[in-house]
């Protein structure tokens, strides 16, 4: 899950932190001016979640304030959002660990980053079952073996298109 449950007979274990940032495709940025501030998004198409379908408070990115985009294209799937942005469809908030695999994507608004976490949650009644513990262990070990993919992106990073020093988180 994307957030630590606050009620219920549940056993939760944090898997990893991860980050999300604003991205656009190189082809999109050849047609539009690169946004430099959150206010610049009013001149762009923002690819976003369907606000009425947010199943977790972690999917609400309002901590940057009201994003006043010119137009908003809502898509309930993170994969769908990634594909829309990759194809030149606009600017979107994408998972950094996924976006780094696509050279056609460029991080924009580099001073804005969203930090979140993945949690492994199991009901207390089944937590002790051997088959459940084995699945938990497998999932946890897999995430830990790839933790560098997640945690390296939490450090200040240089935008792919910038030659200057590192940016701040």
Protein backbone atom coordinates (compact mmCIF):
# COMPACT_ATOMS: atom_id res chain seq x y z
CA UNK A 1 0.00 0.00 0.00
CA UNK A 2 1.00 3.63 -0.33
CA UNK A 3 0.39 4.70 3.26
CA UNK A 4 0.65 3.26 6.73
CA UNK A 5 -2.80 2.13 7.86
CA UNK A 6 -3.97 3.85 11.04
CA UNK A 7 -6.64 1.37 12.10
CA UNK A 8 -7.43 -2.31 11.93
CA UNK A 9 -5.63 -5.41 13.14
CA UNK A 10 -2.81 -5.12 10.66
CA UNK A 11 0.92 -5.77 10.66
CA UNK A 12 2.78 -3.24 8.52
CA UNK A 13 6.38 -3.10 7.41
CA UNK A 14 7.91 -0.28 5.40
CA UNK A 15 9.33 -1.55 2.12
CA UNK A 16 11.04 1.58 0.81
CA UNK A 17 10.80 5.29 0.21
CA UNK A 18 10.45 6.52 -3.35
CA UNK A 19 10.09 9.84 -5.13
CA UNK A 20 8.08 11.38 -7.95
CA UNK A 21 8.89 14.42 -10.06
CA UNK A 22 7.49 16.41 -12.96
CA UNK A 23 8.49 15.08 -16.40
CA UNK A 24 7.88 15.91 -20.04
CA UNK A 25 9.14 14.24 -23.18
CA UNK A 26 11.88 15.77 -25.29
CA UNK A 27 9.46 15.93 -28.22
CA UNK A 28 6.89 17.83 -26.12
CA UNK A 29 9.54 20.33 -25.02
CA UNK A 30 10.49 21.07 -28.65
CA UNK A 31 6.93 22.30 -29.14
CA UNK A 32 6.33 24.04 -25.80
CA UNK A 33 8.39 26.26 -23.52
CA UNK A 34 9.93 24.30 -20.68
CA UNK A 35 8.12 25.14 -17.41
CA UNK A 36 10.42 26.78 -14.88
CA UNK A 37 7.88 27.39 -12.10
CA UNK A 38 4.67 25.74 -10.95
CA UNK A 39 2.79 28.76 -12.35
CA UNK A 40 4.21 28.01 -15.81
CA UNK A 41 2.02 24.88 -15.93
CA UNK A 42 -0.91 27.08 -16.93
CA UNK A 43 0.61 27.01 -20.43
CA UNK A 44 0.78 23.20 -20.50
CA UNK A 45 -1.34 20.09 -20.48
CA UNK A 46 -0.98 18.40 -17.08
CA UNK A 47 -1.29 14.62 -17.07
CA UNK A 48 -2.68 13.65 -13.67
CA UNK A 49 -4.67 11.13 -11.66
CA UNK A 50 -8.45 11.13 -11.76
CA UNK A 51 -9.10 13.18 -8.62
CA UNK A 52 -12.39 11.42 -7.81
CA UNK A 53 -10.67 8.03 -7.93
CA UNK A 54 -7.75 8.70 -5.57
CA UNK A 55 -7.63 5.55 -3.46
CA UNK A 56 -4.82 6.85 -1.25
CA UNK A 57 -4.00 10.26 0.22
CA UNK A 58 -0.44 9.65 -1.07
CA UNK A 59 -1.71 10.28 -4.60
CA UNK A 60 -2.71 13.85 -3.71
CA UNK A 61 0.11 16.19 -4.72
CA UNK A 62 -1.49 19.35 -3.39
CA UNK A 63 1.42 20.07 -1.04
CA UNK A 64 2.92 22.18 -3.84
CA UNK A 65 -0.19 24.33 -3.70
CA UNK A 66 -2.86 24.68 -6.30
CA UNK A 67 -1.55 23.56 -9.65
CA UNK A 68 -3.24 25.84 -12.16
CA UNK A 69 -2.65 23.97 -15.39
CA UNK A 70 -4.05 25.19 -18.67
CA UNK A 71 -5.65 21.82 -19.28
CA UNK A 72 -5.69 18.58 -17.30
CA UNK A 73 -5.82 15.10 -18.77
CA UNK A 74 -6.80 12.68 -16.01
CA UNK A 75 -5.78 9.02 -16.16
CA UNK A 76 -6.33 6.57 -13.29
CA UNK A 77 -3.25 4.49 -14.11
CA UNK A 78 0.37 5.44 -13.34
CA UNK A 79 1.44 3.38 -16.36
CA UNK A 80 -1.07 5.18 -18.54
CA UNK A 81 0.19 8.55 -17.32
CA UNK A 82 3.77 7.50 -18.10
CA UNK A 83 2.82 6.48 -21.63
CA UNK A 84 0.92 9.72 -22.26
CA UNK A 85 3.89 11.81 -21.12
CA UNK A 86 6.39 9.64 -23.04
CA UNK A 87 4.37 10.09 -26.23
CA UNK A 88 4.52 13.88 -25.95
CA UNK A 89 1.09 14.34 -24.42
CA UNK A 90 2.02 16.84 -21.70
CA UNK A 91 3.72 17.28 -18.34
CA UNK A 92 3.11 14.71 -15.61
CA UNK A 93 4.17 13.67 -12.14
CA UNK A 94 5.92 10.32 -12.62
CA UNK A 95 7.77 7.86 -10.43
CA UNK A 96 11.48 8.70 -10.63
CA UNK A 97 12.52 5.05 -10.47
CA UNK A 98 10.41 4.28 -13.54
CA UNK A 99 11.11 7.46 -15.51
CA UNK A 100 14.89 6.99 -15.39
CA UNK A 101 14.51 4.06 -17.78
CA UNK A 102 13.25 6.29 -20.58
CA UNK A 103 15.80 8.66 -22.16
CA UNK A 104 12.99 10.51 -23.96
CA UNK A 105 11.78 11.84 -20.58
CA UNK A 106 13.19 15.04 -19.10
CA UNK A 107 12.73 16.10 -15.51
CA UNK A 108 11.18 19.58 -15.35
CA UNK A 109 10.62 21.76 -12.29
CA UNK A 110 13.61 20.09 -10.62
CA UNK A 111 13.16 21.80 -7.26
CA UNK A 112 9.82 20.03 -6.75
CA UNK A 113 9.91 16.40 -5.68
CA UNK A 114 7.29 14.28 -3.93
CA UNK A 115 8.51 11.74 -1.36
CA UNK A 116 6.36 8.71 -0.63
CA UNK A 117 6.71 5.16 0.74
CA UNK A 118 5.56 1.66 -0.09
CA UNK A 119 4.28 -0.48 2.80
CA UNK A 120 3.71 -4.21 3.07
CA UNK A 121 0.53 -4.80 5.09
CA UNK A 122 -0.90 -8.12 6.29
CA UNK A 123 -3.88 -8.81 8.52
CA UNK A 124 -2.77 -9.94 11.98
CA UNK A 125 -4.88 -13.12 11.76
CA UNK A 126 -2.82 -14.51 8.87
CA UNK A 127 0.53 -12.88 9.55
CA UNK A 128 1.89 -15.97 11.29
CA UNK A 129 0.97 -18.44 8.54
CA UNK A 130 4.02 -19.95 6.89
CA UNK A 131 2.81 -19.32 3.32
CA UNK A 132 2.03 -15.67 4.14
CA UNK A 133 5.40 -15.15 5.84
CA UNK A 134 7.16 -16.67 2.81
CA UNK A 135 5.37 -14.30 0.44
CA UNK A 136 6.13 -11.36 2.76
CA UNK A 137 9.78 -12.38 2.90
CA UNK A 138 9.99 -12.75 -0.88
CA UNK A 139 8.44 -9.32 -1.50
CA UNK A 140 10.61 -7.65 1.15
CA UNK A 141 13.81 -9.29 -0.15
CA UNK A 142 13.03 -8.32 -3.75
CA UNK A 143 12.45 -4.69 -2.81
CA UNK A 144 15.59 -4.62 -0.65
CA UNK A 145 17.68 -6.06 -3.50
CA UNK A 146 16.47 -3.17 -5.66
CA UNK A 147 16.59 -0.54 -2.93
CA UNK A 148 19.42 1.27 -4.68
CA UNK A 149 17.03 1.98 -7.59
CA UNK A 150 14.68 3.72 -5.16
CA UNK A 151 17.07 5.33 -2.67
CA UNK A 152 19.58 6.71 -5.20
CA UNK A 153 16.78 8.84 -6.56
CA UNK A 154 16.05 10.33 -3.15
CA UNK A 155 19.44 12.03 -3.17
CA UNK A 156 19.84 15.36 -4.96
CA UNK A 157 20.25 14.58 -8.65
CA UNK A 158 21.35 16.53 -11.69
CA UNK A 159 18.81 17.07 -14.39
CA UNK A 160 19.82 15.23 -17.55
CA UNK A 161 19.78 18.45 -19.55
CA UNK A 162 21.68 20.65 -17.11
CA UNK A 163 25.42 21.02 -16.96
CA UNK A 164 25.43 22.84 -13.60
CA UNK A 165 25.84 21.40 -10.12
CA UNK A 166 23.40 19.22 -8.20
CA UNK A 167 19.91 20.41 -7.42
CA UNK A 168 18.20 20.34 -4.06
CA UNK A 169 15.38 18.03 -3.02
